[in-house]
PDB file of all heavy atoms in Angstrom:
ATOM      1  N   ALA A   1      83.848  68.162  36.247  1.00  0.00           N
ATOM      2  CA  ALA A   1      84.085  67.804  37.639  1.00  0.00           C
ATOM      3  C   ALA A   1      83.449  66.449  37.982  1.00  0.00           C
ATOM      4  O   ALA A   1      84.040  65.635  38.689  1.00  0.00           O
ATOM      5  CB  ALA A   1      83.534  68.878  38.567  1.00  0.00           C
ATOM      6  N   GLN A   2      82.237  66.215  37.438  1.00  0.00           N
ATOM      7  CA  GLN A   2      81.569  64.937  37.647  1.00  0.00           C
ATOM      8  C   GLN A   2      82.353  63.781  37.070  1.00  0.00           C
ATOM      9  O   GLN A   2      82.489  62.714  37.661  1.00  0.00           O
ATOM     10  CB  GLN A   2      80.152  64.986  37.109  1.00  0.00           C
ATOM     11  CG  GLN A   2      79.226  65.924  37.860  1.00  0.00           C
ATOM     12  CD  GLN A   2      77.891  66.089  37.185  1.00  0.00           C
ATOM     13  OE1 GLN A   2      77.672  65.569  36.068  1.00  0.00           O
ATOM     14  NE2 GLN A   2      76.950  66.768  37.829  1.00  0.00           N
ATOM     15  N   VAL A   3      82.883  64.008  35.832  1.00  0.00           N
ATOM     16  CA  VAL A   3      83.686  62.953  35.194  1.00  0.00           C
ATOM     17  C   VAL A   3      84.956  62.689  36.010  1.00  0.00           C
ATOM     18  O   VAL A   3      85.346  61.516  36.232  1.00  0.00           O
ATOM     19  CB  VAL A   3      84.058  63.399  33.734  1.00  0.00           C
ATOM     20  CG1 VAL A   3      85.072  62.418  33.148  1.00  0.00           C
ATOM     21  CG2 VAL A   3      82.788  63.427  32.883  1.00  0.00           C
ATOM     22  N   ALA A   4      85.603  63.743  36.459  1.00  0.00           N
ATOM     23  CA  ALA A   4      86.822  63.550  37.257  1.00  0.00           C
ATOM     24  C   ALA A   4      86.537  62.863  38.560  1.00  0.00           C
ATOM     25  O   ALA A   4      87.302  61.985  39.018  1.00  0.00           O
ATOM     26  CB  ALA A   4      87.486  64.925  37.527  1.00  0.00           C
ATOM     27  N   ASP A   5      85.431  63.189  39.199  1.00  0.00           N
ATOM     28  CA  ASP A   5      85.037  62.528  40.441  1.00  0.00           C
ATOM     29  C   ASP A   5      84.746  61.040  40.200  1.00  0.00           C
ATOM     30  O   ASP A   5      85.173  60.186  40.970  1.00  0.00           O
ATOM     31  CB  ASP A   5      83.791  63.201  41.036  1.00  0.00           C
ATOM     32  CG  ASP A   5      84.105  64.562  41.632  1.00  0.00           C
ATOM     33  OD1 ASP A   5      85.282  64.830  41.920  1.00  0.00           O
ATOM     34  OD2 ASP A   5      83.152  65.365  41.765  1.00  0.00           O
ATOM     35  N   GLY A   6      84.050  60.743  39.094  1.00  0.00           N
ATOM     36  CA  GLY A   6      83.746  59.356  38.775  1.00  0.00           C
ATOM     37  C   GLY A   6      85.025  58.570  38.475  1.00  0.00           C
ATOM     38  O   GLY A   6      85.160  57.413  38.917  1.00  0.00           O
ATOM     39  N   ALA A   7      85.942  59.168  37.747  1.00  0.00           N
ATOM     40  CA  ALA A   7      87.232  58.487  37.464  1.00  0.00           C
ATOM     41  C   ALA A   7      88.013  58.263  38.735  1.00  0.00           C
ATOM     42  O   ALA A   7      88.647  57.221  38.923  1.00  0.00           O
ATOM     43  CB  ALA A   7      88.038  59.308  36.462  1.00  0.00           C
ATOM     44  N   ALA A   8      87.995  59.229  39.637  1.00  0.00           N
ATOM     45  CA  ALA A   8      88.708  59.102  40.903  1.00  0.00           C
ATOM     46  C   ALA A   8      88.121  57.976  41.741  1.00  0.00           C
ATOM     47  O   ALA A   8      88.842  57.212  42.402  1.00  0.00           O
ATOM     48  CB  ALA A   8      88.686  60.429  41.677  1.00  0.00           C
ATOM     49  N   ARG A   9      86.773  57.832  41.724  1.00  0.00           N
ATOM     50  CA  ARG A   9      86.163  56.717  42.456  1.00  0.00           C
ATOM     51  C   ARG A   9      86.569  55.379  41.858  1.00  0.00           C
ATOM     52  O   ARG A   9      86.819  54.408  42.592  1.00  0.00           O
ATOM     53  CB  ARG A   9      84.631  56.872  42.442  1.00  0.00           C
ATOM     54  CG  ARG A   9      84.107  57.985  43.358  1.00  0.00           C
ATOM     55  CD  ARG A   9      82.609  57.870  43.542  1.00  0.00           C
ATOM     56  NE  ARG A   9      81.915  58.107  42.275  1.00  0.00           N
ATOM     57  CZ  ARG A   9      81.523  59.313  41.859  1.00  0.00           C
ATOM     58  NH1 ARG A   9      81.754  60.382  42.612  1.00  0.00           N
ATOM     59  NH2 ARG A   9      80.886  59.433  40.715  1.00  0.00           N
ATOM     60  N   LEU A  10      86.634  55.330  40.494  1.00  0.00           N
ATOM     61  CA  LEU A  10      87.012  54.085  39.856  1.00  0.00           C
ATOM     62  C   LEU A  10      88.466  53.695  40.155  1.00  0.00           C
ATOM     63  O   LEU A  10      88.790  52.513  40.306  1.00  0.00           O
ATOM     64  CB  LEU A  10      86.843  54.234  38.343  1.00  0.00           C
ATOM     65  CG  LEU A  10      87.252  53.027  37.467  1.00  0.00           C
ATOM     66  CD1 LEU A  10      86.363  51.827  37.743  1.00  0.00           C
ATOM     67  CD2 LEU A  10      87.206  53.417  35.997  1.00  0.00           C
ATOM     68  N   LEU A  11      89.314  54.710  40.295  1.00  0.00           N
ATOM     69  CA  LEU A  11      90.740  54.428  40.446  1.00  0.00           C
ATOM     70  C   LEU A  11      91.215  54.400  41.889  1.00  0.00           C
ATOM     71  O   LEU A  11      92.393  54.103  42.154  1.00  0.00           O
ATOM     72  CB  LEU A  11      91.555  55.518  39.708  1.00  0.00           C
ATOM     73  CG  LEU A  11      91.356  55.562  38.194  1.00  0.00           C
ATOM     74  CD1 LEU A  11      92.038  56.799  37.605  1.00  0.00           C
ATOM     75  CD2 LEU A  11      91.867  54.314  37.537  1.00  0.00           C
ATOM     76  N   ARG A  12      90.333  54.710  42.847  1.00  0.00           N
ATOM     77  CA  ARG A  12      90.770  54.718  44.226  1.00  0.00           C
ATOM     78  C   ARG A  12      91.094  53.273  44.671  1.00  0.00           C
ATOM     79  O   ARG A  12      90.704  52.304  44.034  1.00  0.00           O
ATOM     80  CB  ARG A  12      89.669  55.300  45.123  1.00  0.00           C
ATOM     81  CG  ARG A  12      88.427  54.464  45.202  1.00  0.00           C
ATOM     82  CD  ARG A  12      87.327  55.166  45.976  1.00  0.00           C
ATOM     83  NE  ARG A  12      86.093  54.382  46.021  1.00  0.00           N
ATOM     84  CZ  ARG A  12      84.978  54.810  46.544  1.00  0.00           C
ATOM     85  NH1 ARG A  12      84.909  56.015  47.067  1.00  0.00           N
ATOM     86  NH2 ARG A  12      83.897  54.015  46.552  1.00  0.00           N
ATOM     87  N   GLY A  13      91.813  53.197  45.780  1.00  0.00           N
ATOM     88  CA  GLY A  13      92.229  51.868  46.245  1.00  0.00           C
ATOM     89  C   GLY A  13      93.205  51.215  45.269  1.00  0.00           C
ATOM     90  O   GLY A  13      94.175  51.839  44.847  1.00  0.00           O
ATOM     91  N   TRP A  14      92.896  50.001  44.880  1.00  0.00           N
ATOM     92  CA  TRP A  14      93.750  49.262  43.963  1.00  0.00           C
ATOM     93  C   TRP A  14      93.383  49.544  42.508  1.00  0.00           C
ATOM     94  O   TRP A  14      94.073  49.057  41.588  1.00  0.00           O
ATOM     95  CB  TRP A  14      93.649  47.766  44.239  1.00  0.00           C
ATOM     96  CG  TRP A  14      94.221  47.406  45.557  1.00  0.00           C
ATOM     97  CD1 TRP A  14      93.547  47.291  46.741  1.00  0.00           C
ATOM     98  CD2 TRP A  14      95.595  47.142  45.863  1.00  0.00           C
ATOM     99  NE1 TRP A  14      94.411  46.978  47.755  1.00  0.00           N
ATOM    100  CE2 TRP A  14      95.680  46.872  47.256  1.00  0.00           C
ATOM    101  CE3 TRP A  14      96.753  47.115  45.086  1.00  0.00           C
ATOM    102  CZ2 TRP A  14      96.884  46.572  47.857  1.00  0.00           C
ATOM    103  CZ3 TRP A  14      97.964  46.813  45.700  1.00  0.00           C
ATOM    104  CH2 TRP A  14      97.996  46.540  47.090  1.00  0.00           C
ATOM    105  N   GLY A  15      92.359  50.338  42.289  1.00  0.00           N
ATOM    106  CA  GLY A  15      91.950  50.638  40.911  1.00  0.00           C
ATOM    107  C   GLY A  15      93.022  51.326  40.119  1.00  0.00           C
ATOM    108  O   GLY A  15      93.147  51.117  38.891  1.00  0.00           O
ATOM    109  N   LEU A  16      93.811  52.183  40.754  1.00  0.00           N
ATOM    110  CA  LEU A  16      94.864  52.908  40.027  1.00  0.00           C
ATOM    111  C   LEU A  16      95.924  51.961  39.483  1.00  0.00           C
ATOM    112  O   LEU A  16      96.553  52.229  38.453  1.00  0.00           O
ATOM    113  CB  LEU A  16      95.486  53.963  40.951  1.00  0.00           C
ATOM    114  CG  LEU A  16      96.449  54.938  40.292  1.00  0.00           C
ATOM    115  CD1 LEU A  16      95.693  55.809  39.234  1.00  0.00           C
ATOM    116  CD2 LEU A  16      97.121  55.835  41.311  1.00  0.00           C
ATOM    117  N   LEU A  17      96.140  50.855  40.145  1.00  0.00           N
ATOM    118  CA  LEU A  17      97.073  49.863  39.649  1.00  0.00           C
ATOM    119  C   LEU A  17      96.430  48.943  38.629  1.00  0.00           C
ATOM    120  O   LEU A  17      97.042  48.625  37.613  1.00  0.00           O
ATOM    121  CB  LEU A  17      97.608  49.020  40.812  1.00  0.00           C
ATOM    122  CG  LEU A  17      98.527  47.835  40.460  1.00  0.00           C
ATOM    123  CD1 LEU A  17      99.810  48.367  39.785  1.00  0.00           C
ATOM    124  CD2 LEU A  17      98.878  47.031  41.712  1.00  0.00           C
ATOM    125  N   VAL A  18      95.182  48.563  38.838  1.00  0.00           N
ATOM    126  CA  VAL A  18      94.555  47.504  38.042  1.00  0.00           C
ATOM    127  C   VAL A  18      93.919  48.044  36.758  1.00  0.00           C
ATOM    128  O   VAL A  18      94.118  47.484  35.694  1.00  0.00           O
ATOM    129  CB  VAL A  18      93.511  46.745  38.881  1.00  0.00           C
ATOM    130  CG1 VAL A  18      92.764  45.721  38.018  1.00  0.00           C
ATOM    131  CG2 VAL A  18      94.210  46.050  40.056  1.00  0.00           C
ATOM    132  N   VAL A  19      93.137  49.119  36.848  1.00  0.00           N
ATOM    133  CA  VAL A  19      92.336  49.566  35.714  1.00  0.00           C
ATOM    134  C   VAL A  19      93.200  49.984  34.508  1.00  0.00           C
ATOM    135  O   VAL A  19      92.971  49.500  33.413  1.00  0.00           O
ATOM    136  CB  VAL A  19      91.362  50.680  36.141  1.00  0.00           C
ATOM    137  CG1 VAL A  19      90.654  51.267  34.915  1.00  0.00           C
ATOM    138  CG2 VAL A  19      90.344  50.157  37.153  1.00  0.00           C
ATOM    139  N   PRO A  20      94.178  50.885  34.667  1.00  0.00           N
ATOM    140  CA  PRO A  20      95.012  51.237  33.512  1.00  0.00           C
ATOM    141  C   PRO A  20      95.774  50.028  32.954  1.00  0.00           C
ATOM    142  O   PRO A  20      95.970  49.928  31.738  1.00  0.00           O
ATOM    143  CB  PRO A  20      95.961  52.291  34.061  1.00  0.00           C
ATOM    144  CG  PRO A  20      95.248  52.876  35.241  1.00  0.00           C
ATOM    145  CD  PRO A  20      94.538  51.695  35.860  1.00  0.00           C
ATOM    146  N   MET A  21      96.193  49.137  33.835  1.00  0.00           N
ATOM    147  CA  MET A  21      96.899  47.946  33.377  1.00  0.00           C
ATOM    148  C   MET A  21      95.988  47.102  32.479  1.00  0.00           C
ATOM    149  O   MET A  21      96.399  46.618  31.406  1.00  0.00           O
ATOM    150  CB  MET A  21      97.366  47.119  34.590  1.00  0.00           C
ATOM    151  CG  MET A  21      98.245  45.946  34.234  1.00  0.00           C
ATOM    152  SD  MET A  21      98.657  45.005  35.730  1.00  0.00           S
ATOM    153  CE  MET A  21      99.618  46.209  36.641  1.00  0.00           C
ATOM    154  N   LEU A  22      94.750  46.924  32.887  1.00  0.00           N
ATOM    155  CA  LEU A  22      93.778  46.173  32.086  1.00  0.00           C
ATOM    156  C   LEU A  22      93.475  46.883  30.756  1.00  0.00           C
ATOM    157  O   LEU A  22      93.295  46.236  29.717  1.00  0.00           O
ATOM    158  CB  LEU A  22      92.488  45.943  32.867  1.00  0.00           C
ATOM    159  CG  LEU A  22      92.595  45.013  34.063  1.00  0.00           C
ATOM    160  CD1 LEU A  22      91.261  44.946  34.787  1.00  0.00           C
ATOM    161  CD2 LEU A  22      93.036  43.614  33.657  1.00  0.00           C
ATOM    162  N   LEU A  23      93.410  48.208  30.794  1.00  0.00           N
ATOM    163  CA  LEU A  23      93.236  48.965  29.549  1.00  0.00           C
ATOM    164  C   LEU A  23      94.411  48.711  28.591  1.00  0.00           C
ATOM    165  O   LEU A  23      94.203  48.532  27.368  1.00  0.00           O
ATOM    166  CB  LEU A  23      93.080  50.447  29.857  1.00  0.00           C
ATOM    167  CG  LEU A  23      91.778  50.882  30.479  1.00  0.00           C
ATOM    168  CD1 LEU A  23      91.815  52.360  30.863  1.00  0.00           C
ATOM    169  CD2 LEU A  23      90.588  50.605  29.547  1.00  0.00           C
ATOM    170  N   TRP A  24      95.609  48.759  29.090  1.00  0.00           N
ATOM    171  CA  TRP A  24      96.800  48.501  28.246  1.00  0.00           C
ATOM    172  C   TRP A  24      96.726  47.087  27.668  1.00  0.00           C
ATOM    173  O   TRP A  24      97.032  46.906  26.482  1.00  0.00           O
ATOM    174  CB  TRP A  24      98.053  48.670  29.063  1.00  0.00           C
ATOM    175  CG  TRP A  24      98.551  50.086  29.112  1.00  0.00           C
ATOM    176  CD1 TRP A  24      97.941  51.182  28.643  1.00  0.00           C
ATOM    177  CD2 TRP A  24      99.818  50.511  29.649  1.00  0.00           C
ATOM    178  NE1 TRP A  24      98.713  52.290  28.870  1.00  0.00           N
ATOM    179  CE2 TRP A  24      99.854  51.923  29.466  1.00  0.00           C
ATOM    180  CE3 TRP A  24     100.889  49.869  30.242  1.00  0.00           C
ATOM    181  CZ2 TRP A  24     100.952  52.681  29.873  1.00  0.00           C
ATOM    182  CZ3 TRP A  24     101.989  50.622  30.665  1.00  0.00           C
ATOM    183  CH2 TRP A  24     102.000  52.013  30.464  1.00  0.00           C
ATOM    184  N   ILE A  25      96.364  46.133  28.457  1.00  0.00           N
ATOM    185  CA  ILE A  25      96.238  44.742  27.962  1.00  0.00           C
ATOM    186  C   ILE A  25      95.178  44.660  26.892  1.00  0.00           C
ATOM    187  O   ILE A  25      95.351  44.014  25.823  1.00  0.00           O
ATOM    188  CB  ILE A  25      95.973  43.786  29.136  1.00  0.00           C
ATOM    189  CG1 ILE A  25      97.203  43.681  30.045  1.00  0.00           C
ATOM    190  CG2 ILE A  25      95.582  42.399  28.610  1.00  0.00           C
ATOM    191  CD1 ILE A  25      96.961  42.889  31.310  1.00  0.00           C
ATOM    192  N   ALA A  26      94.013  45.310  27.129  1.00  0.00           N
ATOM    193  CA  ALA A  26      92.940  45.305  26.140  1.00  0.00           C
ATOM    194  C   ALA A  26      93.363  45.910  24.821  1.00  0.00           C
ATOM    195  O   ALA A  26      92.996  45.436  23.740  1.00  0.00           O
ATOM    196  CB  ALA A  26      91.697  45.988  26.710  1.00  0.00           C
TER     197      ALA A  26
END
């Protein structure tokens, strides 16, 4: 649950668009 909460905080807002995209590029 803590991991899921932390991931949700990272991806909230524009993070859901930006973070996975940057991972794919990396």
